[in-house]
Amino acid sequence: MNEKINIGITGAGGALGKSLTKKFKSKGYKITGFSHSQFSNSLGESEPDEWVKWECGKEYLLEDKLKKIDILILNHGVYQSGIDNTNYQNSIEINALSKLRLLNIFEEIAINNEDDKKKEIWINTSEAEILPAINPSYEISKLLIGQIITFKKNFLTKNQEKKFTIRKIILGPFKSNLNPIGIMTPDLVATLIFLLSKVNYFLNYN
């Protein structure tokens, strides 16, 4: 059992967030769910042990909560149709820049942590990082965060890597409200992410 390991999941109220919660709870982990939306206080198998409400641009308010997290999974995102400027801005802000801010905060917490407990951050990106997407704003935002993660990983020192691990997971298309024609189920993707977490690689394809 892994009762002492606290996993934080952003976008915990979405299809994949719920499946990740269900999978890791079944393995004995404690789950803290981060969500922009309203959430229930139910403690069902797909519900986190604790909910935290947050919003993009105010990630700094989460610092105290993040200090209690051992593994942070950045899973939130949007898929907005259309090509107007607002959609581009929203996609880049939510899919890329908010994840970067959370990554920076969590990295600082991990590196300055006084105990020997190593922290990890997993960032879920998308096949749009390596293949063309129908929606250009979605593709640009996913490509941007994917490149930033690789950049951040490459500049960790050996001493920093002893305290902090960065993983990037490129997700294949799965069925959700954002992608109703996805070919995989969220439960399958969550299972694959759990299995990949046992492999010590920076980049994982799903």
C-alpha atoms as a PDB file:
ATOM      1  CA  MET A   1       0.000   0.000   0.000  1.00  0.00           C
ATOM      2  CA  ASN A   2       1.063   3.609  -0.615  1.00  0.00           C
ATOM      3  CA  GLU A   3      -0.989   5.517   2.000  1.00  0.00           C
ATOM      4  CA  LYS A   4       1.749   8.077   2.556  1.00  0.00           C
ATOM      5  CA  ILE A   5       2.015   9.028  -1.112  1.00  0.00           C
ATOM      6  CA  ASN A   6      -0.205  11.977  -1.984  1.00  0.00           C
ATOM      7  CA  ILE A   7      -0.934  12.421  -5.686  1.00  0.00           C
ATOM      8  CA  GLY A   8      -2.281  15.756  -6.911  1.00  0.00           C
ATOM      9  CA  ILE A   9      -4.243  15.757 -10.168  1.00  0.00           C
ATOM     10  CA  THR A  10      -5.273  18.904 -12.024  1.00  0.00           C
ATOM     11  CA  GLY A  11      -8.373  18.572 -14.167  1.00  0.00           C
ATOM     12  CA  ALA A  12      -9.542  15.915 -11.736  1.00  0.00           C
ATOM     13  CA  GLY A  13     -13.181  16.495 -12.651  1.00  0.00           C
ATOM     14  CA  GLY A  14     -12.693  15.555 -16.320  1.00  0.00           C
ATOM     15  CA  ALA A  15     -12.923  12.135 -17.926  1.00  0.00           C
ATOM     16  CA  LEU A  16      -9.229  11.257 -17.623  1.00  0.00           C
ATOM     17  CA  GLY A  17      -8.921  12.950 -14.231  1.00  0.00           C
ATOM     18  CA  LYS A  18     -11.673  10.723 -12.845  1.00  0.00           C
ATOM     19  CA  SER A  19     -10.102   7.603 -14.342  1.00  0.00           C
ATOM     20  CA  LEU A  20      -6.676   8.515 -12.930  1.00  0.00           C
ATOM     21  CA  THR A  21      -8.249   9.106  -9.524  1.00  0.00           C
ATOM     22  CA  LYS A  22     -10.035   5.758  -9.643  1.00  0.00           C
ATOM     23  CA  LYS A  23      -6.889   3.882 -10.730  1.00  0.00           C
ATOM     24  CA  PHE A  24      -4.527   5.379  -8.156  1.00  0.00           C
ATOM     25  CA  LYS A  25      -7.065   5.232  -5.310  1.00  0.00           C
ATOM     26  CA  SER A  26      -7.504   1.530  -6.026  1.00  0.00           C
ATOM     27  CA  LYS A  27      -3.755   1.132  -5.468  1.00  0.00           C
ATOM     28  CA  GLY A  28      -3.880   2.822  -2.077  1.00  0.00           C
ATOM     29  CA  TYR A  29      -2.696   6.323  -2.925  1.00  0.00           C
ATOM     30  CA  LYS A  30      -4.190   9.470  -1.427  1.00  0.00           C
ATOM     31  CA  ILE A  31      -5.584  11.785  -4.117  1.00  0.00           C
ATOM     32  CA  THR A  32      -5.893  15.566  -4.042  1.00  0.00           C
ATOM     33  CA  GLY A  33      -7.978  16.840  -6.941  1.00  0.00           C
ATOM     34  CA  PHE A  34      -7.482  20.334  -8.354  1.00  0.00           C
ATOM     35  CA  SER A  35     -10.378  21.740 -10.371  1.00  0.00           C
ATOM     36  CA  HIS A  36     -11.624  25.006 -11.871  1.00  0.00           C
ATOM     37  CA  SER A  37     -15.210  23.773 -11.710  1.00  0.00           C
ATOM     38  CA  GLN A  38     -17.683  23.013  -8.987  1.00  0.00           C
ATOM     39  CA  PHE A  39     -17.216  19.592  -7.446  1.00  0.00           C
ATOM     40  CA  SER A  40     -19.104  17.283  -5.151  1.00  0.00           C
ATOM     41  CA  ASN A  41     -18.015  16.219  -1.692  1.00  0.00           C
ATOM     42  CA  SER A  42     -18.651  12.575  -2.509  1.00  0.00           C
ATOM     43  CA  LEU A  43     -15.929  10.060  -1.653  1.00  0.00           C
ATOM     44  CA  GLY A  44     -16.722   7.629  -4.469  1.00  0.00           C
ATOM     45  CA  GLU A  45     -14.055   5.595  -6.235  1.00  0.00           C
ATOM     46  CA  SER A  46     -13.601   8.310  -8.885  1.00  0.00           C
ATOM     47  CA  GLU A  47     -13.603  11.176  -6.374  1.00  0.00           C
ATOM     48  CA  PRO A  48     -10.436  12.546  -4.737  1.00  0.00           C
ATOM     49  CA  ASP A  49      -9.900  12.365  -0.994  1.00  0.00           C
ATOM     50  CA  GLU A  50      -9.653  16.166  -1.049  1.00  0.00           C
ATOM     51  CA  TRP A  51     -10.796  18.772  -3.544  1.00  0.00           C
ATOM     52  CA  VAL A  52      -8.972  22.071  -4.126  1.00  0.00           C
ATOM     53  CA  LYS A  53     -10.500  24.795  -6.279  1.00  0.00           C
ATOM     54  CA  TRP A  54      -8.110  26.963  -8.294  1.00  0.00           C
ATOM     55  CA  GLU A  55      -7.973  29.197 -11.356  1.00  0.00           C
ATOM     56  CA  CYS A  56      -5.416  30.004 -14.009  1.00  0.00           C
ATOM     57  CA  GLY A  57      -3.306  33.026 -13.175  1.00  0.00           C
ATOM     58  CA  LYS A  58      -3.532  32.389  -9.432  1.00  0.00           C
ATOM     59  CA  GLU A  59      -1.360  29.291  -9.207  1.00  0.00           C
ATOM     60  CA  TYR A  60       0.730  30.992  -6.506  1.00  0.00           C
ATOM     61  CA  LEU A  61      -2.205  30.558  -4.112  1.00  0.00           C
ATOM     62  CA  LEU A  62      -1.714  26.783  -4.288  1.00  0.00           C
ATOM     63  CA  GLU A  63       1.789  26.747  -2.793  1.00  0.00           C
ATOM     64  CA  ASP A  64       0.748  25.496   0.658  1.00  0.00           C
ATOM     65  CA  LYS A  65      -1.340  22.703  -0.889  1.00  0.00           C
ATOM     66  CA  LEU A  66       1.436  21.745  -3.297  1.00  0.00           C
ATOM     67  CA  LYS A  67       3.920  21.372  -0.444  1.00  0.00           C
ATOM     68  CA  LYS A  68       1.877  18.362   0.714  1.00  0.00           C
ATOM     69  CA  ILE A  69       1.920  16.679  -2.729  1.00  0.00           C
ATOM     70  CA  ASP A  70       4.448  13.967  -3.587  1.00  0.00           C
ATOM     71  CA  ILE A  71       3.482  13.432  -7.241  1.00  0.00           C
ATOM     72  CA  LEU A  72       1.737  16.183  -9.208  1.00  0.00           C
ATOM     73  CA  ILE A  73      -0.013  15.196 -12.446  1.00  0.00           C
ATOM     74  CA  LEU A  74      -0.771  18.183 -14.686  1.00  0.00           C
ATOM     75  CA  ASN A  75      -3.792  16.963 -16.582  1.00  0.00           C
ATOM     76  CA  HIS A  76      -6.005  20.034 -17.106  1.00  0.00           C
ATOM     77  CA  GLY A  77      -6.634  21.529 -20.516  1.00  0.00           C
ATOM     78  CA  VAL A  78      -9.120  22.932 -23.000  1.00  0.00           C
ATOM     79  CA  TYR A  79      -9.981  22.275 -26.620  1.00  0.00           C
ATOM     80  CA  GLN A  80     -11.653  25.332 -28.115  1.00  0.00           C
ATOM     81  CA  SER A  81     -12.970  25.431 -31.648  1.00  0.00           C
ATOM     82  CA  GLY A  82     -12.551  28.409 -33.900  1.00  0.00           C
ATOM     83  CA  ILE A  83      -9.533  30.435 -34.923  1.00  0.00           C
ATOM     84  CA  ASP A  84     -10.204  33.849 -33.359  1.00  0.00           C
ATOM     85  CA  ASN A  85      -7.595  35.528 -31.172  1.00  0.00           C
ATOM     86  CA  THR A  86      -9.435  34.833 -27.905  1.00  0.00           C
ATOM     87  CA  ASN A  87      -9.354  31.090 -28.513  1.00  0.00           C
ATOM     88  CA  TYR A  88      -5.625  31.187 -29.185  1.00  0.00           C
ATOM     89  CA  GLN A  89      -5.023  33.140 -26.011  1.00  0.00           C
ATOM     90  CA  ASN A  90      -7.184  30.850 -23.874  1.00  0.00           C
ATOM     91  CA  SER A  91      -5.625  27.687 -25.267  1.00  0.00           C
ATOM     92  CA  ILE A  92      -2.071  28.915 -24.696  1.00  0.00           C
ATOM     93  CA  GLU A  93      -2.903  30.253 -21.232  1.00  0.00           C
ATOM     94  CA  ILE A  94      -4.627  27.100 -19.958  1.00  0.00           C
ATOM     95  CA  ASN A  95      -2.824  24.340 -21.866  1.00  0.00           C
ATOM     96  CA  ALA A  96       0.684  25.768 -21.592  1.00  0.00           C
ATOM     97  CA  LEU A  97       1.334  28.800 -19.395  1.00  0.00           C
ATOM     98  CA  SER A  98      -0.672  27.660 -16.355  1.00  0.00           C
ATOM     99  CA  LYS A  99       1.150  24.313 -16.464  1.00  0.00           C
ATOM    100  CA  LEU A 100       4.481  26.111 -16.647  1.00  0.00           C
ATOM    101  CA  ARG A 101       3.630  28.211 -13.594  1.00  0.00           C
ATOM    102  CA  LEU A 102       2.623  25.116 -11.625  1.00  0.00           C
ATOM    103  CA  LEU A 103       5.779  23.345 -12.765  1.00  0.00           C
ATOM    104  CA  ASN A 104       7.934  26.242 -11.579  1.00  0.00           C
ATOM    105  CA  ILE A 105       6.225  26.446  -8.188  1.00  0.00           C
ATOM    106  CA  PHE A 106       6.410  22.694  -7.615  1.00  0.00           C
ATOM    107  CA  GLU A 107      10.029  22.540  -8.762  1.00  0.00           C
ATOM    108  CA  GLU A 108      11.023  25.221  -6.273  1.00  0.00           C
ATOM    109  CA  ILE A 109       9.176  23.431  -3.478  1.00  0.00           C
ATOM    110  CA  ALA A 110      10.887  20.133  -4.311  1.00  0.00           C
ATOM    111  CA  ILE A 111      14.401  21.531  -4.632  1.00  0.00           C
ATOM    112  CA  ASN A 112      14.115  23.520  -1.388  1.00  0.00           C
ATOM    113  CA  ASN A 113      12.512  20.645   0.495  1.00  0.00           C
ATOM    114  CA  GLU A 114      14.566  19.875   3.603  1.00  0.00           C
ATOM    115  CA  ASP A 115      13.713  16.179   3.881  1.00  0.00           C
ATOM    116  CA  ASP A 116      14.936  13.416   1.564  1.00  0.00           C
ATOM    117  CA  LYS A 117      11.550  12.654   0.017  1.00  0.00           C
ATOM    118  CA  LYS A 118      11.775  13.061  -3.747  1.00  0.00           C
ATOM    119  CA  LYS A 119       8.923  14.790  -5.569  1.00  0.00           C
ATOM    120  CA  GLU A 120       7.740  14.125  -9.118  1.00  0.00           C
ATOM    121  CA  ILE A 121       5.722  16.044 -11.672  1.00  0.00           C
ATOM    122  CA  TRP A 122       4.059  14.354 -14.653  1.00  0.00           C
ATOM    123  CA  ILE A 123       2.787  16.525 -17.482  1.00  0.00           C
ATOM    124  CA  ASN A 124       0.177  15.070 -19.808  1.00  0.00           C
ATOM    125  CA  THR A 125       0.523  16.521 -23.290  1.00  0.00           C
ATOM    126  CA  SER A 126      -1.075  15.214 -26.491  1.00  0.00           C
ATOM    127  CA  GLU A 127      -0.406  13.568 -29.822  1.00  0.00           C
ATOM    128  CA  ALA A 128      -0.865  17.123 -31.153  1.00  0.00           C
ATOM    129  CA  GLU A 129       2.678  17.726 -29.919  1.00  0.00           C
ATOM    130  CA  ILE A 130       4.076  15.421 -32.596  1.00  0.00           C
ATOM    131  CA  LEU A 131       1.262  15.207 -35.180  1.00  0.00           C
ATOM    132  CA  PRO A 132      -0.840  17.916 -36.881  1.00  0.00           C
ATOM    133  CA  ALA A 133      -4.136  18.666 -35.136  1.00  0.00           C
ATOM    134  CA  ILE A 134      -7.401  19.874 -36.651  1.00  0.00           C
ATOM    135  CA  ASN A 135      -7.471  22.789 -34.214  1.00  0.00           C
ATOM    136  CA  PRO A 136      -4.426  25.067 -34.664  1.00  0.00           C
ATOM    137  CA  SER A 137      -4.693  26.767 -31.260  1.00  0.00           C
ATOM    138  CA  TYR A 138      -4.760  23.391 -29.533  1.00  0.00           C
ATOM    139  CA  GLU A 139      -1.758  22.188 -31.535  1.00  0.00           C
ATOM    140  CA  ILE A 140       0.272  25.320 -30.788  1.00  0.00           C
ATOM    141  CA  SER A 141      -0.466  25.195 -27.060  1.00  0.00           C
ATOM    142  CA  LYS A 142       0.416  21.514 -26.745  1.00  0.00           C
ATOM    143  CA  LEU A 143       3.567  21.914 -28.811  1.00  0.00           C
ATOM    144  CA  LEU A 144       4.604  24.865 -26.645  1.00  0.00           C
ATOM    145  CA  ILE A 145       4.221  23.102 -23.297  1.00  0.00           C
ATOM    146  CA  GLY A 146       5.890  19.971 -24.660  1.00  0.00           C
ATOM    147  CA  GLN A 147       8.965  21.926 -25.722  1.00  0.00           C
ATOM    148  CA  ILE A 148       9.079  23.858 -22.450  1.00  0.00           C
ATOM    149  CA  ILE A 149       8.996  20.627 -20.431  1.00  0.00           C
ATOM    150  CA  THR A 150      11.898  19.189 -22.422  1.00  0.00           C
ATOM    151  CA  PHE A 151      13.817  22.441 -21.924  1.00  0.00           C
ATOM    152  CA  LYS A 152      13.167  22.410 -18.162  1.00  0.00           C
ATOM    153  CA  LYS A 153      14.158  18.761 -17.856  1.00  0.00           C
ATOM    154  CA  ASN A 154      17.438  19.279 -19.694  1.00  0.00           C
ATOM    155  CA  PHE A 155      18.493  22.106 -17.386  1.00  0.00           C
ATOM    156  CA  LEU A 156      18.024  20.250 -14.104  1.00  0.00           C
ATOM    157  CA  THR A 157      21.363  19.736 -12.378  1.00  0.00           C
ATOM    158  CA  LYS A 158      22.392  16.338 -11.000  1.00  0.00           C
ATOM    159  CA  ASN A 159      21.709  17.533  -7.468  1.00  0.00           C
ATOM    160  CA  GLN A 160      18.285  18.845  -8.462  1.00  0.00           C
ATOM    161  CA  GLU A 161      17.419  15.540 -10.133  1.00  0.00           C
ATOM    162  CA  LYS A 162      17.989  13.810  -6.801  1.00  0.00           C
ATOM    163  CA  LYS A 163      15.096  15.798  -5.368  1.00  0.00           C
ATOM    164  CA  PHE A 164      12.840  16.355  -8.370  1.00  0.00           C
ATOM    165  CA  THR A 165      11.711  14.244 -11.345  1.00  0.00           C
ATOM    166  CA  ILE A 166       9.991  15.564 -14.472  1.00  0.00           C
ATOM    167  CA  ARG A 167       8.049  13.170 -16.705  1.00  0.00           C
ATOM    168  CA  LYS A 168       6.283  13.961 -19.961  1.00  0.00           C
ATOM    169  CA  ILE A 169       3.468  11.708 -21.141  1.00  0.00           C
ATOM    170  CA  ILE A 170       2.246  12.135 -24.720  1.00  0.00           C
ATOM    171  CA  LEU A 171      -1.351  10.951 -24.699  1.00  0.00           C
ATOM    172  CA  GLY A 172      -3.095   9.323 -27.612  1.00  0.00           C
ATOM    173  CA  PRO A 173      -6.699  10.266 -28.509  1.00  0.00           C
ATOM    174  CA  PHE A 174      -9.188   9.144 -25.866  1.00  0.00           C
ATOM    175  CA  LYS A 175     -12.944   9.630 -25.630  1.00  0.00           C
ATOM    176  CA  SER A 176     -14.077  12.586 -23.511  1.00  0.00           C
ATOM    177  CA  ASN A 177     -16.328  15.639 -23.652  1.00  0.00           C
ATOM    178  CA  LEU A 178     -13.467  17.435 -25.404  1.00  0.00           C
ATOM    179  CA  ASN A 179     -12.933  14.600 -27.887  1.00  0.00           C
ATOM    180  CA  PRO A 180     -16.095  12.515 -28.398  1.00  0.00           C
ATOM    181  CA  ILE A 181     -14.505  10.556 -31.265  1.00  0.00           C
ATOM    182  CA  GLY A 182     -11.429   9.422 -29.318  1.00  0.00           C
ATOM    183  CA  ILE A 183     -10.453   5.818 -30.022  1.00  0.00           C
ATOM    184  CA  MET A 184      -9.348   4.917 -26.478  1.00  0.00           C
ATOM    185  CA  THR A 185     -11.230   4.979 -23.190  1.00  0.00           C
ATOM    186  CA  PRO A 186     -10.095   7.165 -20.275  1.00  0.00           C
ATOM    187  CA  ASP A 187      -9.819   4.040 -18.104  1.00  0.00           C
ATOM    188  CA  LEU A 188      -7.401   2.445 -20.574  1.00  0.00           C
ATOM    189  CA  VAL A 189      -5.282   5.603 -20.719  1.00  0.00           C
ATOM    190  CA  ALA A 190      -5.231   5.844 -16.905  1.00  0.00           C
ATOM    191  CA  THR A 191      -4.081   2.219 -16.683  1.00  0.00           C
ATOM    192  CA  LEU A 192      -1.313   2.856 -19.214  1.00  0.00           C
ATOM    193  CA  ILE A 193      -0.171   5.949 -17.298  1.00  0.00           C
ATOM    194  CA  PHE A 194      -0.034   3.918 -14.095  1.00  0.00           C
ATOM    195  CA  LEU A 195       2.042   1.214 -15.800  1.00  0.00           C
ATOM    196  CA  LEU A 196       4.348   3.788 -17.398  1.00  0.00           C
ATOM    197  CA  SER A 197       4.921   5.360 -13.992  1.00  0.00           C
ATOM    198  CA  LYS A 198       6.836   2.218 -13.042  1.00  0.00           C
ATOM    199  CA  VAL A 199       9.315   2.832 -15.875  1.00  0.00           C
ATOM    200  CA  ASN A 200      12.083   5.319 -15.179  1.00  0.00           C
ATOM    201  CA  TYR A 201      11.932   7.349 -18.402  1.00  0.00           C
ATOM    202  CA  PHE A 202      11.419  11.072 -18.938  1.00  0.00           C
ATOM    203  CA  LEU A 203       9.290  10.679 -22.076  1.00  0.00           C
ATOM    204  CA  ASN A 204       6.469   8.166 -22.330  1.00  0.00           C
ATOM    205  CA  TYR A 205       4.039   7.595 -25.171  1.00  0.00           C
ATOM    206  CA  ASN A 206       0.513   6.503 -24.441  1.00  0.00           C
END
